[in-house]
Amino acid sequence: MSPRLLIATLARQLAETYGKGFEENIRRMMQFAEVFPDEQIVASAMRQLSWTYFTLLIPLKQPLF
């Protein structure tokens, strides 16, 4: 299954239970995992930053850590 189809399928299943809006969030979560692969750094930063701030940092080209 292609990643695009997998995301669409997962988003549809989640939407059936919890409502819509999951597809874009799943894509952002996948981007987040690519941009911030170090769990220790993420755990430390999450104490100070909300998900909203992380979504603003994802598109930056320069590494932050």
PDB file of N, CA and C in Angstrom:
ATOM      1  N   MET A   1       0.852  -1.177   0.000  1.00  0.00           N
ATOM      2  CA  MET A   1       0.000   0.000   0.000  1.00  0.00           C
ATOM      3  C   MET A   1       0.896   1.238   0.000  1.00  0.00           C
ATOM      4  N   SER A   2       0.574   2.197  -0.832  1.00  0.00           N
ATOM      5  CA  SER A   2       1.360   3.427  -0.907  1.00  0.00           C
ATOM      6  C   SER A   2       1.130   4.270   0.349  1.00  0.00           C
ATOM      7  N   PRO A   3       2.110   5.095   0.711  1.00  0.00           N
ATOM      8  CA  PRO A   3       1.932   5.958   1.892  1.00  0.00           C
ATOM      9  C   PRO A   3       0.712   6.870   1.771  1.00  0.00           C
ATOM     10  N   ARG A   4       0.477   7.374   0.570  1.00  0.00           N
ATOM     11  CA  ARG A   4      -0.668   8.273   0.374  1.00  0.00           C
ATOM     12  C   ARG A   4      -1.992   7.543   0.644  1.00  0.00           C
ATOM     13  N   LEU A   5      -2.107   6.322   0.125  1.00  0.00           N
ATOM     14  CA  LEU A   5      -3.317   5.524   0.335  1.00  0.00           C
ATOM     15  C   LEU A   5      -3.448   5.115   1.801  1.00  0.00           C
ATOM     16  N   LEU A   6      -2.334   4.786   2.422  1.00  0.00           N
ATOM     17  CA  LEU A   6      -2.340   4.406   3.831  1.00  0.00           C
ATOM     18  C   LEU A   6      -2.839   5.566   4.698  1.00  0.00           C
ATOM     19  N   ILE A   7      -2.339   6.760   4.433  1.00  0.00           N
ATOM     20  CA  ILE A   7      -2.757   7.943   5.190  1.00  0.00           C
ATOM     21  C   ILE A   7      -4.245   8.210   4.988  1.00  0.00           C
ATOM     22  N   ALA A   8      -4.693   8.136   3.745  1.00  0.00           N
ATOM     23  CA  ALA A   8      -6.109   8.383   3.451  1.00  0.00           C
ATOM     24  C   ALA A   8      -7.002   7.355   4.149  1.00  0.00           C
ATOM     25  N   THR A   9      -6.577   6.094   4.131  1.00  0.00           N
ATOM     26  CA  THR A   9      -7.362   5.028   4.771  1.00  0.00           C
ATOM     27  C   THR A   9      -7.413   5.233   6.284  1.00  0.00           C
ATOM     28  N   LEU A  10      -6.270   5.501   6.880  1.00  0.00           N
ATOM     29  CA  LEU A  10      -6.214   5.729   8.323  1.00  0.00           C
ATOM     30  C   LEU A  10      -7.047   6.944   8.710  1.00  0.00           C
ATOM     31  N   ALA A  11      -6.929   8.018   7.947  1.00  0.00           N
ATOM     32  CA  ALA A  11      -7.699   9.237   8.236  1.00  0.00           C
ATOM     33  C   ALA A  11      -9.196   8.970   8.150  1.00  0.00           C
ATOM     34  N   ARG A  12      -9.612   8.202   7.167  1.00  0.00           N
ATOM     35  CA  ARG A  12     -11.040   7.877   7.015  1.00  0.00           C
ATOM     36  C   ARG A  12     -11.532   7.065   8.205  1.00  0.00           C
ATOM     37  N   GLN A  13     -10.723   6.086   8.646  1.00  0.00           N
ATOM     38  CA  GLN A  13     -11.117   5.264   9.793  1.00  0.00           C
ATOM     39  C   GLN A  13     -11.210   6.101  11.068  1.00  0.00           C
ATOM     40  N   LEU A  14     -10.258   6.982  11.273  1.00  0.00           N
ATOM     41  CA  LEU A  14     -10.293   7.851  12.454  1.00  0.00           C
ATOM     42  C   LEU A  14     -11.481   8.804  12.398  1.00  0.00           C
ATOM     43  N   ALA A  15     -11.774   9.316  11.202  1.00  0.00           N
ATOM     44  CA  ALA A  15     -12.892  10.252  11.039  1.00  0.00           C
ATOM     45  C   ALA A  15     -14.227   9.596  11.371  1.00  0.00           C
ATOM     46  N   GLU A  16     -14.356   8.309  11.082  1.00  0.00           N
ATOM     47  CA  GLU A  16     -15.597   7.607  11.402  1.00  0.00           C
ATOM     48  C   GLU A  16     -15.871   7.607  12.904  1.00  0.00           C
ATOM     49  N   THR A  17     -14.812   7.540  13.683  1.00  0.00           N
ATOM     50  CA  THR A  17     -14.957   7.489  15.140  1.00  0.00           C
ATOM     51  C   THR A  17     -14.887   8.869  15.795  1.00  0.00           C
ATOM     52  N   TYR A  18     -13.954   9.713  15.322  1.00  0.00           N
ATOM     53  CA  TYR A  18     -13.655  10.957  16.034  1.00  0.00           C
ATOM     54  C   TYR A  18     -14.000  12.241  15.288  1.00  0.00           C
ATOM     55  N   GLY A  19     -14.407  12.146  14.045  1.00  0.00           N
ATOM     56  CA  GLY A  19     -14.692  13.341  13.252  1.00  0.00           C
ATOM     57  C   GLY A  19     -13.586  13.608  12.246  1.00  0.00           C
ATOM     58  N   LYS A  20     -13.788  14.604  11.396  1.00  0.00           N
ATOM     59  CA  LYS A  20     -12.843  14.820  10.309  1.00  0.00           C
ATOM     60  C   LYS A  20     -11.643  15.668  10.709  1.00  0.00           C
ATOM     61  N   GLY A  21     -10.702  15.789   9.773  1.00  0.00           N
ATOM     62  CA  GLY A  21      -9.526  16.619   9.991  1.00  0.00           C
ATOM     63  C   GLY A  21      -8.254  15.838  10.246  1.00  0.00           C
ATOM     64  N   PHE A  22      -8.286  14.537  10.102  1.00  0.00           N
ATOM     65  CA  PHE A  22      -7.128  13.737  10.454  1.00  0.00           C
ATOM     66  C   PHE A  22      -6.067  13.651   9.361  1.00  0.00           C
ATOM     67  N   GLU A  23      -6.451  13.718   8.102  1.00  0.00           N
ATOM     68  CA  GLU A  23      -5.472  13.496   7.034  1.00  0.00           C
ATOM     69  C   GLU A  23      -4.328  14.504   7.100  1.00  0.00           C
ATOM     70  N   GLU A  24      -4.635  15.780   7.215  1.00  0.00           N
ATOM     71  CA  GLU A  24      -3.594  16.800   7.296  1.00  0.00           C
ATOM     72  C   GLU A  24      -2.756  16.620   8.567  1.00  0.00           C
ATOM     73  N   ASN A  25      -3.398  16.281   9.665  1.00  0.00           N
ATOM     74  CA  ASN A  25      -2.655  16.076  10.914  1.00  0.00           C
ATOM     75  C   ASN A  25      -1.714  14.880  10.828  1.00  0.00           C
ATOM     76  N   ILE A  26      -2.140  13.812  10.190  1.00  0.00           N
ATOM     77  CA  ILE A  26      -1.273  12.642  10.027  1.00  0.00           C
ATOM     78  C   ILE A  26      -0.061  13.018   9.180  1.00  0.00           C
ATOM     79  N   ARG A  27      -0.276  13.780   8.120  1.00  0.00           N
ATOM     80  CA  ARG A  27       0.848  14.229   7.277  1.00  0.00           C
ATOM     81  C   ARG A  27       1.817  15.088   8.092  1.00  0.00           C
ATOM     82  N   ARG A  28       1.290  15.973   8.905  1.00  0.00           N
ATOM     83  CA  ARG A  28       2.155  16.815   9.748  1.00  0.00           C
ATOM     84  C   ARG A  28       2.921  15.976  10.769  1.00  0.00           C
ATOM     85  N   MET A  29       2.261  14.981  11.322  1.00  0.00           N
ATOM     86  CA  MET A  29       2.946  14.109  12.285  1.00  0.00           C
ATOM     87  C   MET A  29       4.084  13.344  11.620  1.00  0.00           C
ATOM     88  N   MET A  30       3.859  12.915  10.375  1.00  0.00           N
ATOM     89  CA  MET A  30       4.916  12.220   9.649  1.00  0.00           C
ATOM     90  C   MET A  30       6.076  13.168   9.341  1.00  0.00           C
ATOM     91  N   GLN A  31       5.769  14.396   8.949  1.00  0.00           N
ATOM     92  CA  GLN A  31       6.808  15.397   8.721  1.00  0.00           C
ATOM     93  C   GLN A  31       7.571  15.669  10.015  1.00  0.00           C
ATOM     94  N   PHE A  32       6.828  15.776  11.098  1.00  0.00           N
ATOM     95  CA  PHE A  32       7.438  16.021  12.402  1.00  0.00           C
ATOM     96  C   PHE A  32       8.450  14.927  12.734  1.00  0.00           C
ATOM     97  N   ALA A  33       8.085  13.676  12.528  1.00  0.00           N
ATOM     98  CA  ALA A  33       8.976  12.555  12.818  1.00  0.00           C
ATOM     99  C   ALA A  33      10.230  12.603  11.956  1.00  0.00           C
ATOM    100  N   GLU A  34      10.115  13.089  10.732  1.00  0.00           N
ATOM    101  CA  GLU A  34      11.279  13.211   9.864  1.00  0.00           C
ATOM    102  C   GLU A  34      12.191  14.352  10.291  1.00  0.00           C
ATOM    103  N   VAL A  35      11.587  15.481  10.673  1.00  0.00           N
ATOM    104  CA  VAL A  35      12.363  16.668  11.040  1.00  0.00           C
ATOM    105  C   VAL A  35      12.991  16.530  12.430  1.00  0.00           C
ATOM    106  N   PHE A  36      12.286  15.871  13.342  1.00  0.00           N
ATOM    107  CA  PHE A  36      12.749  15.732  14.721  1.00  0.00           C
ATOM    108  C   PHE A  36      12.873  14.245  15.086  1.00  0.00           C
ATOM    109  N   PRO A  37      13.884  13.554  14.580  1.00  0.00           N
ATOM    110  CA  PRO A  37      13.993  12.114  14.820  1.00  0.00           C
ATOM    111  C   PRO A  37      14.505  11.741  16.220  1.00  0.00           C
ATOM    112  N   ASP A  38      15.114  12.679  16.933  1.00  0.00           N
ATOM    113  CA  ASP A  38      15.699  12.385  18.240  1.00  0.00           C
ATOM    114  C   ASP A  38      14.650  12.531  19.343  1.00  0.00           C
ATOM    115  N   GLU A  39      14.227  11.413  19.919  1.00  0.00           N
ATOM    116  CA  GLU A  39      13.156  11.424  20.930  1.00  0.00           C
ATOM    117  C   GLU A  39      13.536  12.215  22.178  1.00  0.00           C
ATOM    118  N   GLN A  40      14.793  12.194  22.561  1.00  0.00           N
ATOM    119  CA  GLN A  40      15.201  12.923  23.769  1.00  0.00           C
ATOM    120  C   GLN A  40      15.060  14.425  23.576  1.00  0.00           C
ATOM    121  N   ILE A  41      15.435  14.921  22.410  1.00  0.00           N
ATOM    122  CA  ILE A  41      15.296  16.348  22.134  1.00  0.00           C
ATOM    123  C   ILE A  41      13.821  16.732  22.094  1.00  0.00           C
ATOM    124  N   VAL A  42      13.021  15.898  21.463  1.00  0.00           N
ATOM    125  CA  VAL A  42      11.584  16.175  21.376  1.00  0.00           C
ATOM    126  C   VAL A  42      10.953  16.184  22.762  1.00  0.00           C
ATOM    127  N   ALA A  43      11.291  15.211  23.586  1.00  0.00           N
ATOM    128  CA  ALA A  43      10.731  15.144  24.935  1.00  0.00           C
ATOM    129  C   ALA A  43      11.073  16.404  25.723  1.00  0.00           C
ATOM    130  N   SER A  44      12.291  16.870  25.586  1.00  0.00           N
ATOM    131  CA  SER A  44      12.713  18.076  26.286  1.00  0.00           C
ATOM    132  C   SER A  44      11.986  19.307  25.745  1.00  0.00           C
ATOM    133  N   ALA A  45      11.906  19.419  24.430  1.00  0.00           N
ATOM    134  CA  ALA A  45      11.262  20.584  23.814  1.00  0.00           C
ATOM    135  C   ALA A  45       9.760  20.599  24.070  1.00  0.00           C
ATOM    136  N   MET A  46       9.138  19.428  24.161  1.00  0.00           N
ATOM    137  CA  MET A  46       7.684  19.378  24.357  1.00  0.00           C
ATOM    138  C   MET A  46       7.267  19.906  25.727  1.00  0.00           C
ATOM    139  N   ARG A  47       8.182  19.967  26.645  1.00  0.00           N
ATOM    140  CA  ARG A  47       7.860  20.546  27.952  1.00  0.00           C
ATOM    141  C   ARG A  47       7.666  22.057  27.846  1.00  0.00           C
ATOM    142  N   GLN A  48       8.231  22.638  26.776  1.00  0.00           N
ATOM    143  CA  GLN A  48       8.177  24.088  26.636  1.00  0.00           C
ATOM    144  C   GLN A  48       7.367  24.567  25.439  1.00  0.00           C
ATOM    145  N   LEU A  49       7.170  23.700  24.439  1.00  0.00           N
ATOM    146  CA  LEU A  49       6.484  24.095  23.211  1.00  0.00           C
ATOM    147  C   LEU A  49       5.229  23.262  22.993  1.00  0.00           C
ATOM    148  N   SER A  50       4.219  23.880  22.437  1.00  0.00           N
ATOM    149  CA  SER A  50       2.988  23.150  22.106  1.00  0.00           C
ATOM    150  C   SER A  50       3.093  22.590  20.687  1.00  0.00           C
ATOM    151  N   TRP A  51       2.140  21.742  20.314  1.00  0.00           N
ATOM    152  CA  TRP A  51       2.102  21.169  18.968  1.00  0.00           C
ATOM    153  C   TRP A  51       2.051  22.276  17.918  1.00  0.00           C
ATOM    154  N   THR A  52       1.348  23.367  18.215  1.00  0.00           N
ATOM    155  CA  THR A  52       1.235  24.491  17.280  1.00  0.00           C
ATOM    156  C   THR A  52       2.614  25.040  16.932  1.00  0.00           C
ATOM    157  N   TYR A  53       3.483  25.189  17.923  1.00  0.00           N
ATOM    158  CA  TYR A  53       4.829  25.690  17.658  1.00  0.00           C
ATOM    159  C   TYR A  53       5.638  24.702  16.824  1.00  0.00           C
ATOM    160  N   PHE A  54       5.489  23.429  17.110  1.00  0.00           N
ATOM    161  CA  PHE A  54       6.205  22.423  16.320  1.00  0.00           C
ATOM    162  C   PHE A  54       5.766  22.467  14.858  1.00  0.00           C
ATOM    163  N   THR A  55       4.464  22.653  14.610  1.00  0.00           N
ATOM    164  CA  THR A  55       4.005  22.709  13.220  1.00  0.00           C
ATOM    165  C   THR A  55       4.571  23.932  12.501  1.00  0.00           C
ATOM    166  N   LEU A  56       4.864  24.987  13.231  1.00  0.00           N
ATOM    167  CA  LEU A  56       5.498  26.159  12.630  1.00  0.00           C
ATOM    168  C   LEU A  56       6.979  25.910  12.339  1.00  0.00           C
ATOM    169  N   LEU A  57       7.612  25.046  13.113  1.00  0.00           N
ATOM    170  CA  LEU A  57       9.030  24.753  12.931  1.00  0.00           C
ATOM    171  C   LEU A  57       9.295  23.729  11.830  1.00  0.00           C
ATOM    172  N   ILE A  58       8.343  22.886  11.523  1.00  0.00           N
ATOM    173  CA  ILE A  58       8.536  21.809  10.556  1.00  0.00           C
ATOM    174  C   ILE A  58       9.064  22.314   9.209  1.00  0.00           C
ATOM    175  N   PRO A  59       8.520  23.397   8.628  1.00  0.00           N
ATOM    176  CA  PRO A  59       8.980  23.799   7.298  1.00  0.00           C
ATOM    177  C   PRO A  59      10.364  24.463   7.254  1.00  0.00           C
ATOM    178  N   LEU A  60      10.952  24.775   8.397  1.00  0.00           N
ATOM    179  CA  LEU A  60      12.247  25.446   8.394  1.00  0.00           C
ATOM    180  C   LEU A  60      13.313  24.580   7.747  1.00  0.00           C
ATOM    181  N   LYS A  61      14.198  25.190   6.990  1.00  0.00           N
ATOM    182  CA  LYS A  61      15.235  24.460   6.256  1.00  0.00           C
ATOM    183  C   LYS A  61      16.477  24.191   7.116  1.00  0.00           C
ATOM    184  N   GLN A  62      16.782  25.081   8.038  1.00  0.00           N
ATOM    185  CA  GLN A  62      17.973  24.937   8.877  1.00  0.00           C
ATOM    186  C   GLN A  62      17.681  24.041  10.064  1.00  0.00           C
ATOM    187  N   PRO A  63      18.582  23.090  10.397  1.00  0.00           N
ATOM    188  CA  PRO A  63      18.374  22.273  11.593  1.00  0.00           C
ATOM    189  C   PRO A  63      18.368  23.141  12.854  1.00  0.00           C
ATOM    190  N   LEU A  64      17.502  22.824  13.776  1.00  0.00           N
ATOM    191  CA  LEU A  64      17.386  23.612  15.005  1.00  0.00           C
ATOM    192  C   LEU A  64      18.240  23.067  16.136  1.00  0.00           C
ATOM    193  N   PHE A  65      18.511  21.778  16.110  1.00  0.00           N
ATOM    194  CA  PHE A  65      19.218  21.161  17.237  1.00  0.00           C
ATOM    195  C   PHE A  65      20.485  20.491  16.731  1.00  0.00           C
TER     196      PHE A  65
END
